[in-house]
Amino acid sequence: MTRLPHQFIEDRELRDAARAVFLADLEHAKGALSRKGLLERLTGPLSKRVSLGLKDTMEVAAAGASANRSGIAALVAALIVWFSRDTILEWVGVETGETEDEPDLASPGQSANVDADAAADHPASNPAPCDATRKLGS
């Protein structure tokens, strides 16, 4: 026999062995993945860690809140006053100066209205006609 058929037989045996290992690994992976659902695989260990972390955080927060009840009460009262400040100022009779219209974007010394003549003189607002519009107009 020549060298070529012998090398060919060895290569085929190596290929078949590699394919058998790959197919065995593939079957193993299919079996492992089919036992658990996707959601269970994603959330199983992660949800346990998150729930333990949240539990610890809530315990620390509860301990801190019980030690500082007056601070928590002051914070809640401040938030209530802040979110109802417009109503409270309206009851007192103080005008806030806020309107529901759009704000005036002009600088303090200028009027918000733009002079029509100044806008017409501005090159960006009055572009020169191009050749195509001249041909259409004539």
Protein backbone atom coordinates (compact mmCIF):
# COMPACT_ATOMS: atom_id res chain seq x y z
CA MET A 1 0.00 0.00 0.00
CA THR A 2 1.09 3.50 -0.63
CA ARG A 3 1.38 6.20 1.99
CA LEU A 4 -1.71 8.07 0.81
CA PRO A 5 -4.38 5.40 1.57
CA HIS A 6 -2.83 4.70 5.00
CA GLN A 7 -2.87 8.43 5.89
CA PHE A 8 -6.41 8.68 4.54
CA ILE A 9 -7.59 5.86 6.83
CA GLU A 10 -5.95 7.47 9.88
CA ASP A 11 -7.51 10.86 9.10
CA ARG A 12 -10.94 9.29 8.71
CA GLU A 13 -10.59 7.52 12.08
CA LEU A 14 -9.58 10.80 13.75
CA ARG A 15 -12.50 12.60 12.12
CA ASP A 16 -14.95 9.93 13.23
CA ALA A 17 -13.61 10.00 16.80
CA ALA A 18 -13.86 13.81 16.96
CA ARG A 19 -17.38 13.67 15.58
CA ALA A 20 -18.40 11.09 18.18
CA VAL A 21 -17.04 13.30 20.99
CA PHE A 22 -18.84 16.33 19.58
CA LEU A 23 -22.15 14.47 19.25
CA ALA A 24 -21.83 13.14 22.81
CA ASP A 25 -21.21 16.67 24.10
CA LEU A 26 -24.16 17.96 22.10
CA GLU A 27 -26.49 15.29 23.53
CA HIS A 28 -25.23 16.07 27.03
CA ALA A 29 -25.93 19.80 26.52
CA LYS A 30 -29.41 19.11 25.13
CA GLY A 31 -30.21 16.92 28.12
CA ALA A 32 -28.94 19.49 30.62
CA LEU A 33 -30.86 22.33 29.01
CA SER A 34 -34.11 20.42 28.61
CA ARG A 35 -34.33 19.66 32.35
CA LYS A 36 -34.65 23.33 33.29
CA GLY A 37 -36.67 25.98 31.56
CA LEU A 38 -35.01 29.13 30.29
CA LEU A 39 -36.58 31.31 32.96
CA GLU A 40 -35.54 28.95 35.72
CA ARG A 41 -31.97 28.85 34.44
CA LEU A 42 -31.75 32.61 34.28
CA THR A 43 -33.47 33.45 37.54
CA GLY A 44 -32.65 30.50 39.78
CA PRO A 45 -29.39 31.45 41.50
CA LEU A 46 -29.73 35.12 40.63
CA SER A 47 -33.13 35.50 42.24
CA LYS A 48 -31.88 33.83 45.42
CA ARG A 49 -28.98 36.25 45.67
CA VAL A 50 -31.16 39.26 44.91
CA SER A 51 -33.80 38.25 47.42
CA LEU A 52 -31.16 37.74 50.12
CA GLY A 53 -29.65 41.14 49.32
CA LEU A 54 -33.04 42.85 49.41
CA LYS A 55 -33.87 41.14 52.68
CA ASP A 56 -30.63 42.39 54.25
CA THR A 57 -31.19 45.89 52.90
CA MET A 58 -34.74 46.01 54.27
CA GLU A 59 -33.53 44.86 57.68
CA VAL A 60 -30.90 47.61 57.77
CA ALA A 61 -33.44 50.21 56.60
CA ALA A 62 -35.97 49.11 59.20
CA ALA A 63 -33.36 49.33 61.95
CA GLY A 64 -32.30 52.79 60.78
CA ALA A 65 -35.90 53.98 60.51
CA SER A 66 -36.77 52.79 63.99
CA ALA A 67 -33.75 54.64 65.40
CA ASN A 68 -34.59 57.89 63.55
CA ARG A 69 -38.39 58.17 63.63
CA SER A 70 -38.35 61.96 64.01
CA GLY A 71 -36.03 62.36 61.02
CA ILE A 72 -38.27 60.18 58.87
CA ALA A 73 -41.34 62.16 59.95
CA ALA A 74 -39.60 65.45 59.10
CA LEU A 75 -38.57 64.12 55.70
CA VAL A 76 -42.12 62.98 54.88
CA ALA A 77 -43.54 66.34 56.01
CA ALA A 78 -40.99 68.21 53.88
CA LEU A 79 -41.87 66.13 50.82
CA ILE A 80 -45.59 66.75 51.33
CA VAL A 81 -45.03 70.50 51.65
CA TRP A 82 -42.73 70.54 48.61
CA PHE A 83 -45.14 68.74 46.31
CA SER A 84 -48.10 70.83 47.46
CA ARG A 85 -46.23 74.15 47.56
CA ASP A 86 -48.22 75.73 44.71
CA THR A 87 -51.52 74.94 46.40
CA ILE A 88 -50.28 76.21 49.77
CA LEU A 89 -49.00 79.45 48.21
CA GLU A 90 -52.33 79.87 46.43
CA TRP A 91 -54.18 79.51 49.76
CA VAL A 92 -51.90 82.10 51.36
CA GLY A 93 -52.39 84.44 48.41
CA VAL A 94 -48.81 84.59 47.20
CA GLU A 95 -48.36 84.63 43.45
CA THR A 96 -45.57 82.36 42.26
CA GLY A 97 -45.07 84.10 38.94
CA GLU A 98 -45.21 80.82 37.04
CA THR A 99 -47.60 80.62 34.13
CA GLU A 100 -48.58 77.65 32.09
CA ASP A 101 -47.64 79.44 28.86
CA GLU A 102 -44.29 78.91 27.24
CA PRO A 103 -41.49 80.89 28.87
CA ASP A 104 -40.20 84.07 27.27
CA LEU A 105 -36.85 83.20 25.71
CA ALA A 106 -35.79 86.78 25.01
CA SER A 107 -32.91 88.28 26.94
CA PRO A 108 -33.92 90.65 29.79
CA GLY A 109 -33.38 93.85 27.79
CA GLN A 110 -34.98 92.66 24.53
CA SER A 111 -38.50 92.06 23.40
CA ALA A 112 -39.51 88.55 22.47
CA ASN A 113 -41.05 89.79 19.21
CA VAL A 114 -38.63 89.90 16.31
CA ASP A 115 -38.81 92.89 14.02
CA ALA A 116 -40.21 91.76 10.68
CA ASP A 117 -37.92 94.12 8.73
CA ALA A 118 -34.84 92.78 10.49
CA ALA A 119 -35.90 89.20 9.72
CA ALA A 120 -36.48 90.04 6.06
CA ASP A 121 -32.98 91.54 5.80
CA HIS A 122 -31.36 88.44 7.27
CA PRO A 123 -29.90 86.26 4.46
CA ALA A 124 -30.97 82.96 6.04
CA SER A 125 -34.63 83.96 6.14
CA ASN A 126 -34.60 85.37 2.58
CA PRO A 127 -32.42 83.14 0.38
CA ALA A 128 -31.61 84.15 -3.15
CA PRO A 129 -33.58 82.21 -5.75
CA CYS A 130 -31.65 79.57 -7.61
CA ASP A 131 -31.69 79.01 -11.39
CA ALA A 132 -34.39 76.34 -11.13
CA THR A 133 -36.85 78.72 -9.44
CA ARG A 134 -36.05 81.46 -11.94
CA LYS A 135 -36.94 79.10 -14.80
CA LEU A 136 -40.15 78.02 -13.08
CA GLY A 137 -41.14 81.64 -12.35
CA SER A 138 -40.67 82.79 -15.94
